Amino acid sequence: MAVAVSEVEKRISEGFDDAQFEIEGEDCNFTVTVISQSFEGLTPVAKQQRVLALFSDLIQAGDLHALTVKAFTLDEWNAKNSSLVQLEG
């Protein structure tokens, strides 16, 4: 059974009330980038575990085969993106 993008959006929105997120993929394979202050003080693995926990039932049922999680606090996200080089063209 395929998982709809709207289901992924719903679970992240309900799990993290302050989350900003981006979802890529379809069916049973997604990459999610989640930005939330609730990640403050957590290790990268703990951040991923918090997101993955929202989908444990789908993973266990085999409906979701792959979920890549990129999780950041707002400060981490801003620091990561401020180091990107702007190309002029």
C-alpha atoms as a PDB file:
ATOM      1  CA  MET A   1       0.000   0.000   0.000  1.00  0.00           C
ATOM      2  CA  ALA A   2       1.373   3.415  -0.968  1.00  0.00           C
ATOM      3  CA  VAL A   3       1.646   6.199   1.580  1.00  0.00           C
ATOM      4  CA  ALA A   4       0.307   9.582   0.463  1.00  0.00           C
ATOM      5  CA  VAL A   5       2.403  12.717   0.872  1.00  0.00           C
ATOM      6  CA  SER A   6      -0.556  14.219   2.739  1.00  0.00           C
ATOM      7  CA  GLU A   7      -0.244  11.448   5.366  1.00  0.00           C
ATOM      8  CA  VAL A   8       3.432  12.267   5.870  1.00  0.00           C
ATOM      9  CA  GLU A   9       2.575  15.979   6.175  1.00  0.00           C
ATOM     10  CA  LYS A  10      -0.188  15.259   8.689  1.00  0.00           C
ATOM     11  CA  ARG A  11       1.999  13.125  10.931  1.00  0.00           C
ATOM     12  CA  ILE A  12       4.830  15.653  11.021  1.00  0.00           C
ATOM     13  CA  SER A  13       2.442  18.567  11.639  1.00  0.00           C
ATOM     14  CA  GLU A  14       0.759  16.716  14.491  1.00  0.00           C
ATOM     15  CA  GLY A  15       4.054  15.505  15.967  1.00  0.00           C
ATOM     16  CA  PHE A  16       5.822  18.873  15.915  1.00  0.00           C
ATOM     17  CA  ASP A  17       3.536  21.860  16.330  1.00  0.00           C
ATOM     18  CA  ASP A  18       6.265  24.362  15.372  1.00  0.00           C
ATOM     19  CA  ALA A  19       7.741  22.340  12.507  1.00  0.00           C
ATOM     20  CA  GLN A  20       8.718  23.647   9.143  1.00  0.00           C
ATOM     21  CA  PHE A  21       9.311  20.775   6.782  1.00  0.00           C
ATOM     22  CA  GLU A  22       9.928  19.618   3.257  1.00  0.00           C
ATOM     23  CA  ILE A  23       8.959  16.234   1.874  1.00  0.00           C
ATOM     24  CA  GLU A  24      10.461  14.564  -1.167  1.00  0.00           C
ATOM     25  CA  GLY A  25       9.507  11.211  -2.625  1.00  0.00           C
ATOM     26  CA  GLU A  26       6.363   9.167  -3.119  1.00  0.00           C
ATOM     27  CA  ASP A  27       4.621   5.873  -2.440  1.00  0.00           C
ATOM     28  CA  CYS A  28       6.821   4.100   0.115  1.00  0.00           C
ATOM     29  CA  ASN A  29      10.095   6.029  -0.058  1.00  0.00           C
ATOM     30  CA  PHE A  30      10.439   9.550   1.366  1.00  0.00           C
ATOM     31  CA  THR A  31      13.066  12.029   2.482  1.00  0.00           C
ATOM     32  CA  VAL A  32      11.882  14.564   5.044  1.00  0.00           C
ATOM     33  CA  THR A  33      13.664  17.661   6.283  1.00  0.00           C
ATOM     34  CA  VAL A  34      12.176  18.816   9.580  1.00  0.00           C
ATOM     35  CA  ILE A  35      13.072  22.045  11.376  1.00  0.00           C
ATOM     36  CA  SER A  36      11.802  22.342  14.946  1.00  0.00           C
ATOM     37  CA  GLN A  37      12.935  23.937  18.189  1.00  0.00           C
ATOM     38  CA  SER A  38      11.838  20.764  19.969  1.00  0.00           C
ATOM     39  CA  PHE A  39      15.113  19.244  18.710  1.00  0.00           C
ATOM     40  CA  GLU A  40      17.116  21.657  20.872  1.00  0.00           C
ATOM     41  CA  GLY A  41      19.749  19.774  22.879  1.00  0.00           C
ATOM     42  CA  LEU A  42      19.182  16.431  21.142  1.00  0.00           C
ATOM     43  CA  THR A  43      21.824  14.432  19.318  1.00  0.00           C
ATOM     44  CA  PRO A  44      21.363  13.897  15.574  1.00  0.00           C
ATOM     45  CA  VAL A  45      20.301  10.290  16.208  1.00  0.00           C
ATOM     46  CA  ALA A  46      17.752  11.328  18.861  1.00  0.00           C
ATOM     47  CA  LYS A  47      16.275  13.881  16.436  1.00  0.00           C
ATOM     48  CA  GLN A  48      15.875  11.210  13.770  1.00  0.00           C
ATOM     49  CA  GLN A  49      14.330   8.802  16.265  1.00  0.00           C
ATOM     50  CA  ARG A  50      11.698  11.384  17.255  1.00  0.00           C
ATOM     51  CA  VAL A  51      10.641  11.779  13.626  1.00  0.00           C
ATOM     52  CA  LEU A  52      10.796   8.056  12.836  1.00  0.00           C
ATOM     53  CA  ALA A  53       8.594   7.293  15.858  1.00  0.00           C
ATOM     54  CA  LEU A  54       5.744   9.110  14.090  1.00  0.00           C
ATOM     55  CA  PHE A  55       5.871   6.478  11.341  1.00  0.00           C
ATOM     56  CA  SER A  56       6.652   3.299  13.285  1.00  0.00           C
ATOM     57  CA  ASP A  57       3.282   1.700  12.490  1.00  0.00           C
ATOM     58  CA  LEU A  58       3.706   2.267   8.741  1.00  0.00           C
ATOM     59  CA  ILE A  59       7.274   0.967   8.820  1.00  0.00           C
ATOM     60  CA  GLN A  60       6.309  -2.136  10.808  1.00  0.00           C
ATOM     61  CA  ALA A  61       3.399  -2.850   8.466  1.00  0.00           C
ATOM     62  CA  GLY A  62       5.698  -2.578   5.451  1.00  0.00           C
ATOM     63  CA  ASP A  63       3.740   0.314   3.951  1.00  0.00           C
ATOM     64  CA  LEU A  64       6.698   2.664   4.316  1.00  0.00           C
ATOM     65  CA  HIS A  65       9.945   1.091   3.141  1.00  0.00           C
ATOM     66  CA  ALA A  66      12.363   3.983   3.450  1.00  0.00           C
ATOM     67  CA  LEU A  67      12.248   7.258   5.357  1.00  0.00           C
ATOM     68  CA  THR A  68      15.351   9.416   5.323  1.00  0.00           C
ATOM     69  CA  VAL A  69      15.235  12.049   8.051  1.00  0.00           C
ATOM     70  CA  LYS A  70      17.144  15.327   8.132  1.00  0.00           C
ATOM     71  CA  ALA A  71      16.303  17.091  11.393  1.00  0.00           C
ATOM     72  CA  PHE A  72      17.494  20.519  12.537  1.00  0.00           C
ATOM     73  CA  THR A  73      16.784  23.245  15.046  1.00  0.00           C
ATOM     74  CA  LEU A  74      16.128  26.628  13.454  1.00  0.00           C
ATOM     75  CA  ASP A  75      19.613  27.815  14.470  1.00  0.00           C
ATOM     76  CA  GLU A  76      21.228  24.732  12.924  1.00  0.00           C
ATOM     77  CA  TRP A  77      19.227  25.215   9.726  1.00  0.00           C
ATOM     78  CA  ASN A  78      20.157  28.894   9.471  1.00  0.00           C
ATOM     79  CA  ALA A  79      23.848  28.143  10.115  1.00  0.00           C
ATOM     80  CA  LYS A  80      23.842  25.363   7.518  1.00  0.00           C
ATOM     81  CA  ASN A  81      22.227  27.547   4.883  1.00  0.00           C
ATOM     82  CA  SER A  82      24.219  30.708   5.561  1.00  0.00           C
ATOM     83  CA  SER A  83      27.358  28.828   4.520  1.00  0.00           C
ATOM     84  CA  LEU A  84      25.960  28.072   1.051  1.00  0.00           C
ATOM     85  CA  VAL A  85      27.639  30.026  -1.701  1.00  0.00           C
ATOM     86  CA  GLN A  86      25.358  32.136  -3.861  1.00  0.00           C
ATOM     87  CA  LEU A  87      26.217  31.691  -7.530  1.00  0.00           C
ATOM     88  CA  GLU A  88      25.656  34.567  -9.899  1.00  0.00           C
ATOM     89  CA  GLY A  89      24.582  33.695 -13.373  1.00  0.00           C
END
